[in-house]
PDB file of all heavy atoms in Angstrom:
ATOM      1  N   ASP A   1       0.562  10.609   0.731  1.00  0.00           N
ATOM      2  CA  ASP A   1      -0.318  10.373  -0.368  1.00  0.00           C
ATOM      3  C   ASP A   1      -0.205  11.438  -1.425  1.00  0.00           C
ATOM      4  O   ASP A   1      -0.372  11.196  -2.650  1.00  0.00           O
ATOM      5  CB  ASP A   1      -1.729  10.294   0.140  1.00  0.00           C
ATOM      6  CG  ASP A   1      -2.058   8.895   0.849  1.00  0.00           C
ATOM      7  OD1 ASP A   1      -1.062   7.961   0.779  1.00  0.00           O
ATOM      8  OD2 ASP A   1      -3.084   8.747   1.480  1.00  0.00           O
ATOM      9  N   ALA A   2      -0.101  12.711  -1.013  1.00  0.00           N
ATOM     10  CA  ALA A   2      -0.107  13.799  -2.042  1.00  0.00           C
ATOM     11  C   ALA A   2       1.205  13.848  -2.810  1.00  0.00           C
ATOM     12  O   ALA A   2       1.221  14.531  -3.862  1.00  0.00           O
ATOM     13  CB  ALA A   2      -0.278  15.083  -1.281  1.00  0.00           C
ATOM     14  N   PHE A   3       2.218  13.059  -2.411  1.00  0.00           N
ATOM     15  CA  PHE A   3       3.486  13.103  -3.092  1.00  0.00           C
ATOM     16  C   PHE A   3       3.878  11.788  -3.701  1.00  0.00           C
ATOM     17  O   PHE A   3       4.541  11.770  -4.804  1.00  0.00           O
ATOM     18  CB  PHE A   3       4.595  13.576  -2.089  1.00  0.00           C
ATOM     19  CG  PHE A   3       4.218  14.700  -1.278  1.00  0.00           C
ATOM     20  CD1 PHE A   3       3.848  14.583   0.084  1.00  0.00           C
ATOM     21  CD2 PHE A   3       4.140  16.039  -1.878  1.00  0.00           C
ATOM     22  CE1 PHE A   3       3.532  15.745   0.839  1.00  0.00           C
ATOM     23  CE2 PHE A   3       3.742  17.161  -1.123  1.00  0.00           C
ATOM     24  CZ  PHE A   3       3.467  17.022   0.263  1.00  0.00           C
ATOM     25  N   ARG A   4       3.542  10.707  -3.090  1.00  0.00           N
ATOM     26  CA  ARG A   4       4.012   9.335  -3.475  1.00  0.00           C
ATOM     27  C   ARG A   4       3.453   8.965  -4.792  1.00  0.00           C
ATOM     28  O   ARG A   4       2.187   8.875  -4.928  1.00  0.00           O
ATOM     29  CB  ARG A   4       3.731   8.385  -2.339  1.00  0.00           C
ATOM     30  CG  ARG A   4       4.194   6.919  -2.693  1.00  0.00           C
ATOM     31  CD  ARG A   4       3.544   5.984  -1.619  1.00  0.00           C
ATOM     32  NE  ARG A   4       2.094   5.953  -1.723  1.00  0.00           N
ATOM     33  CZ  ARG A   4       1.356   6.506  -0.806  1.00  0.00           C
ATOM     34  NH1 ARG A   4       1.812   7.165   0.192  1.00  0.00           N
ATOM     35  NH2 ARG A   4       0.015   6.419  -0.994  1.00  0.00           N
ATOM     36  N   ASP A   5       4.215   8.579  -5.711  1.00  0.00           N
ATOM     37  CA  ASP A   5       3.761   7.920  -6.945  1.00  0.00           C
ATOM     38  C   ASP A   5       4.385   6.505  -6.965  1.00  0.00           C
ATOM     39  O   ASP A   5       4.529   5.844  -5.929  1.00  0.00           O
ATOM     40  CB  ASP A   5       4.175   8.793  -8.212  1.00  0.00           C
ATOM     41  CG  ASP A   5       3.166   8.565  -9.366  1.00  0.00           C
ATOM     42  OD1 ASP A   5       2.640   7.486  -9.516  1.00  0.00           O
ATOM     43  OD2 ASP A   5       3.084   9.427 -10.271  1.00  0.00           O
ATOM     44  N   SER A   6       4.667   5.973  -8.172  1.00  0.00           N
ATOM     45  CA  SER A   6       5.048   4.568  -8.213  1.00  0.00           C
ATOM     46  C   SER A   6       6.497   4.423  -7.675  1.00  0.00           C
ATOM     47  O   SER A   6       7.368   5.325  -7.642  1.00  0.00           O
ATOM     48  CB  SER A   6       4.992   4.065  -9.684  1.00  0.00           C
ATOM     49  OG  SER A   6       5.816   4.934 -10.485  1.00  0.00           O
ATOM     50  N   GLU A   7       6.783   3.266  -7.263  1.00  0.00           N
ATOM     51  CA  GLU A   7       8.038   2.792  -6.721  1.00  0.00           C
ATOM     52  C   GLU A   7       9.021   2.472  -7.768  1.00  0.00           C
ATOM     53  O   GLU A   7       8.847   1.650  -8.570  1.00  0.00           O
ATOM     54  CB  GLU A   7       7.980   1.651  -5.783  1.00  0.00           C
ATOM     55  CG  GLU A   7       9.136   1.201  -5.040  1.00  0.00           C
ATOM     56  CD  GLU A   7       8.972   0.002  -4.155  1.00  0.00           C
ATOM     57  OE1 GLU A   7       8.001  -0.007  -3.382  1.00  0.00           O
ATOM     58  OE2 GLU A   7       9.747  -1.014  -4.272  1.00  0.00           O
ATOM     59  N   ILE A   8      10.127   3.239  -7.836  1.00  0.00           N
ATOM     60  CA  ILE A   8      11.213   3.063  -8.821  1.00  0.00           C
ATOM     61  C   ILE A   8      12.164   1.939  -8.375  1.00  0.00           C
ATOM     62  O   ILE A   8      12.432   1.023  -9.066  1.00  0.00           O
ATOM     63  CB  ILE A   8      12.052   4.357  -9.040  1.00  0.00           C
ATOM     64  CG1 ILE A   8      11.097   5.501  -9.437  1.00  0.00           C
ATOM     65  CG2 ILE A   8      13.128   4.142 -10.163  1.00  0.00           C
ATOM     66  CD1 ILE A   8      11.842   6.849  -9.311  1.00  0.00           C
ATOM     67  N   GLN A   9      12.625   2.020  -7.206  1.00  0.00           N
ATOM     68  CA  GLN A   9      13.519   1.066  -6.648  1.00  0.00           C
ATOM     69  C   GLN A   9      13.215   0.722  -5.197  1.00  0.00           C
ATOM     70  O   GLN A   9      12.968   1.728  -4.441  1.00  0.00           O
ATOM     71  CB  GLN A   9      14.971   1.585  -6.736  1.00  0.00           C
ATOM     72  CG  GLN A   9      16.097   0.697  -6.247  1.00  0.00           C
ATOM     73  CD  GLN A   9      17.491   1.223  -6.385  1.00  0.00           C
ATOM     74  OE1 GLN A   9      17.980   1.236  -7.553  1.00  0.00           O
ATOM     75  NE2 GLN A   9      18.140   1.620  -5.337  1.00  0.00           N
ATOM     76  N   PRO A  10      13.200  -0.538  -4.716  1.00  0.00           N
ATOM     77  CA  PRO A  10      13.511  -1.747  -5.451  1.00  0.00           C
ATOM     78  C   PRO A  10      12.549  -2.107  -6.645  1.00  0.00           C
ATOM     79  O   PRO A  10      12.910  -2.863  -7.561  1.00  0.00           O
ATOM     80  CB  PRO A  10      13.469  -2.839  -4.378  1.00  0.00           C
ATOM     81  CG  PRO A  10      13.431  -2.045  -3.141  1.00  0.00           C
ATOM     82  CD  PRO A  10      12.822  -0.773  -3.339  1.00  0.00           C
ATOM     83  N   GLY A  11      11.353  -1.585  -6.629  1.00  0.00           N
ATOM     84  CA  GLY A  11      10.301  -2.001  -7.475  1.00  0.00           C
ATOM     85  C   GLY A  11       9.256  -2.781  -6.782  1.00  0.00           C
ATOM     86  O   GLY A  11       9.558  -3.727  -6.056  1.00  0.00           O
ATOM     87  N   GLU A  12       7.962  -2.606  -7.163  1.00  0.00           N
ATOM     88  CA  GLU A  12       6.980  -3.283  -6.445  1.00  0.00           C
ATOM     89  C   GLU A  12       6.899  -4.764  -6.603  1.00  0.00           C
ATOM     90  O   GLU A  12       6.338  -5.462  -5.828  1.00  0.00           O
ATOM     91  CB  GLU A  12       5.573  -2.627  -6.903  1.00  0.00           C
ATOM     92  CG  GLU A  12       5.390  -1.241  -6.502  1.00  0.00           C
ATOM     93  CD  GLU A  12       4.227  -0.555  -7.194  1.00  0.00           C
ATOM     94  OE1 GLU A  12       3.566  -1.232  -7.967  1.00  0.00           O
ATOM     95  OE2 GLU A  12       4.019   0.627  -6.938  1.00  0.00           O
ATOM     96  N   SER A  13       7.635  -5.361  -7.653  1.00  0.00           N
ATOM     97  CA  SER A  13       7.655  -6.719  -7.829  1.00  0.00           C
ATOM     98  C   SER A  13       8.597  -7.463  -6.886  1.00  0.00           C
ATOM     99  O   SER A  13       8.590  -8.711  -6.766  1.00  0.00           O
ATOM    100  CB  SER A  13       8.111  -7.077  -9.189  1.00  0.00           C
ATOM    101  OG  SER A  13       9.400  -6.556  -9.496  1.00  0.00           O
ATOM    102  N   VAL A  14       9.459  -6.665  -6.145  1.00  0.00           N
ATOM    103  CA  VAL A  14      10.449  -7.217  -5.234  1.00  0.00           C
ATOM    104  C   VAL A  14       9.742  -7.516  -3.848  1.00  0.00           C
ATOM    105  O   VAL A  14       9.482  -6.495  -3.158  1.00  0.00           O
ATOM    106  CB  VAL A  14      11.659  -6.389  -5.071  1.00  0.00           C
ATOM    107  CG1 VAL A  14      12.681  -6.925  -4.058  1.00  0.00           C
ATOM    108  CG2 VAL A  14      12.336  -6.205  -6.404  1.00  0.00           C
ATOM    109  N   GLN A  15       9.356  -8.758  -3.675  1.00  0.00           N
ATOM    110  CA  GLN A  15       8.507  -9.004  -2.456  1.00  0.00           C
ATOM    111  C   GLN A  15       9.013 -10.101  -1.551  1.00  0.00           C
ATOM    112  O   GLN A  15       9.077  -9.997  -0.371  1.00  0.00           O
ATOM    113  CB  GLN A  15       7.117  -9.328  -2.871  1.00  0.00           C
ATOM    114  CG  GLN A  15       6.302  -8.187  -3.554  1.00  0.00           C
ATOM    115  CD  GLN A  15       5.992  -7.018  -2.563  1.00  0.00           C
ATOM    116  OE1 GLN A  15       5.946  -7.216  -1.325  1.00  0.00           O
ATOM    117  NE2 GLN A  15       5.775  -5.810  -3.161  1.00  0.00           N
ATOM    118  N   SER A  16       9.478 -11.194  -2.161  1.00  0.00           N
ATOM    119  CA  SER A  16       9.866 -12.351  -1.297  1.00  0.00           C
ATOM    120  C   SER A  16      11.181 -12.132  -0.663  1.00  0.00           C
ATOM    121  O   SER A  16      11.982 -11.282  -1.124  1.00  0.00           O
ATOM    122  CB  SER A  16       9.850 -13.645  -2.191  1.00  0.00           C
ATOM    123  OG  SER A  16      11.014 -13.562  -3.140  1.00  0.00           O
ATOM    124  N   ASP A  17      11.531 -13.012   0.344  1.00  0.00           N
ATOM    125  CA  ASP A  17      12.859 -12.931   0.831  1.00  0.00           C
ATOM    126  C   ASP A  17      13.939 -13.089  -0.143  1.00  0.00           C
ATOM    127  O   ASP A  17      14.945 -12.258  -0.100  1.00  0.00           O
ATOM    128  CB  ASP A  17      13.065 -14.071   1.907  1.00  0.00           C
ATOM    129  CG  ASP A  17      12.228 -13.855   3.228  1.00  0.00           C
ATOM    130  OD1 ASP A  17      11.694 -12.653   3.389  1.00  0.00           O
ATOM    131  OD2 ASP A  17      12.170 -14.688   4.063  1.00  0.00           O
ATOM    132  N   GLU A  18      13.814 -13.965  -1.025  1.00  0.00           N
ATOM    133  CA  GLU A  18      14.837 -14.220  -2.108  1.00  0.00           C
ATOM    134  C   GLU A  18      14.970 -12.991  -2.940  1.00  0.00           C
ATOM    135  O   GLU A  18      16.060 -12.581  -3.347  1.00  0.00           O
ATOM    136  CB  GLU A  18      14.506 -15.419  -2.914  1.00  0.00           C
ATOM    137  CG  GLU A  18      14.583 -16.794  -2.113  1.00  0.00           C
ATOM    138  CD  GLU A  18      13.369 -16.977  -1.183  1.00  0.00           C
ATOM    139  OE1 GLU A  18      12.353 -16.264  -1.324  1.00  0.00           O
ATOM    140  OE2 GLU A  18      13.428 -17.827  -0.291  1.00  0.00           O
ATOM    141  N   GLU A  19      13.874 -12.441  -3.398  1.00  0.00           N
ATOM    142  CA  GLU A  19      13.908 -11.264  -4.236  1.00  0.00           C
ATOM    143  C   GLU A  19      14.472 -10.052  -3.522  1.00  0.00           C
ATOM    144  O   GLU A  19      15.278  -9.326  -4.098  1.00  0.00           O
ATOM    145  CB  GLU A  19      12.510 -10.864  -4.637  1.00  0.00           C
ATOM    146  CG  GLU A  19      11.872 -11.803  -5.655  1.00  0.00           C
ATOM    147  CD  GLU A  19      10.428 -11.705  -5.881  1.00  0.00           C
ATOM    148  OE1 GLU A  19       9.751 -11.087  -5.073  1.00  0.00           O
ATOM    149  OE2 GLU A  19       9.925 -12.331  -6.956  1.00  0.00           O
ATOM    150  N   ILE A  20      14.229  -9.861  -2.212  1.00  0.00           N
ATOM    151  CA  ILE A  20      14.817  -8.785  -1.483  1.00  0.00           C
ATOM    152  C   ILE A  20      16.264  -9.054  -1.206  1.00  0.00           C
ATOM    153  O   ILE A  20      17.026  -8.100  -1.509  1.00  0.00           O
ATOM    154  CB  ILE A  20      14.087  -8.643  -0.077  1.00  0.00           C
ATOM    155  CG1 ILE A  20      12.644  -8.139  -0.294  1.00  0.00           C
ATOM    156  CG2 ILE A  20      14.845  -7.696   0.762  1.00  0.00           C
ATOM    157  CD1 ILE A  20      11.789  -8.157   0.968  1.00  0.00           C
ATOM    158  N   ASP A  21      16.645 -10.293  -0.964  1.00  0.00           N
ATOM    159  CA  ASP A  21      18.161 -10.532  -0.814  1.00  0.00           C
ATOM    160  C   ASP A  21      18.852 -10.236  -2.031  1.00  0.00           C
ATOM    161  O   ASP A  21      20.012  -9.623  -1.999  1.00  0.00           O
ATOM    162  CB  ASP A  21      18.283 -12.059  -0.436  1.00  0.00           C
ATOM    163  CG  ASP A  21      17.704 -12.313   0.950  1.00  0.00           C
ATOM    164  OD1 ASP A  21      17.392 -11.367   1.750  1.00  0.00           O
ATOM    165  OD2 ASP A  21      17.609 -13.549   1.218  1.00  0.00           O
ATOM    166  N   ALA A  22      18.353 -10.624  -3.204  1.00  0.00           N
ATOM    167  CA  ALA A  22      19.010 -10.366  -4.510  1.00  0.00           C
ATOM    168  C   ALA A  22      19.118  -8.859  -4.814  1.00  0.00           C
ATOM    169  O   ALA A  22      20.191  -8.367  -5.190  1.00  0.00           O
ATOM    170  CB  ALA A  22      18.311 -11.085  -5.591  1.00  0.00           C
ATOM    171  N   PHE A  23      18.078  -8.082  -4.430  1.00  0.00           N
ATOM    172  CA  PHE A  23      18.068  -6.563  -4.632  1.00  0.00           C
ATOM    173  C   PHE A  23      19.091  -6.028  -3.772  1.00  0.00           C
ATOM    174  O   PHE A  23      19.924  -5.177  -4.243  1.00  0.00           O
ATOM    175  CB  PHE A  23      16.760  -6.030  -4.396  1.00  0.00           C
ATOM    176  CG  PHE A  23      16.826  -4.588  -4.180  1.00  0.00           C
ATOM    177  CD1 PHE A  23      16.996  -3.666  -5.224  1.00  0.00           C
ATOM    178  CD2 PHE A  23      16.673  -4.089  -2.813  1.00  0.00           C
ATOM    179  CE1 PHE A  23      17.075  -2.321  -4.965  1.00  0.00           C
ATOM    180  CE2 PHE A  23      16.783  -2.691  -2.578  1.00  0.00           C
ATOM    181  CZ  PHE A  23      16.998  -1.822  -3.662  1.00  0.00           C
ATOM    182  N   VAL A  24      19.096  -6.372  -2.481  1.00  0.00           N
ATOM    183  CA  VAL A  24      19.989  -5.759  -1.532  1.00  0.00           C
ATOM    184  C   VAL A  24      21.462  -6.012  -1.931  1.00  0.00           C
ATOM    185  O   VAL A  24      22.296  -5.085  -1.928  1.00  0.00           O
ATOM    186  CB  VAL A  24      19.729  -6.359  -0.130  1.00  0.00           C
ATOM    187  CG1 VAL A  24      20.933  -5.892   0.829  1.00  0.00           C
ATOM    188  CG2 VAL A  24      18.345  -5.825   0.370  1.00  0.00           C
ATOM    189  N   ARG A  25      21.844  -7.210  -2.211  1.00  0.00           N
ATOM    190  CA  ARG A  25      23.145  -7.523  -2.634  1.00  0.00           C
ATOM    191  C   ARG A  25      23.644  -6.782  -3.940  1.00  0.00           C
ATOM    192  O   ARG A  25      24.783  -6.395  -4.073  1.00  0.00           O
ATOM    193  CB  ARG A  25      23.343  -9.042  -2.886  1.00  0.00           C
ATOM    194  CG  ARG A  25      23.317  -9.829  -1.590  1.00  0.00           C
ATOM    195  CD  ARG A  25      23.837 -11.278  -1.761  1.00  0.00           C
ATOM    196  NE  ARG A  25      23.880 -12.032  -0.499  1.00  0.00           N
ATOM    197  CZ  ARG A  25      24.952 -11.917   0.327  1.00  0.00           C
ATOM    198  NH1 ARG A  25      25.988 -11.201  -0.005  1.00  0.00           N
ATOM    199  NH2 ARG A  25      24.872 -12.582   1.468  1.00  0.00           N
TER     200      ARG A  25
END
């Protein structure tokens, strides 16, 4: 908590299986 700020990558919008699969590839 004292260190973590916003997520750069993958990005908080990457949530569904399809979004994760596309990010990973």
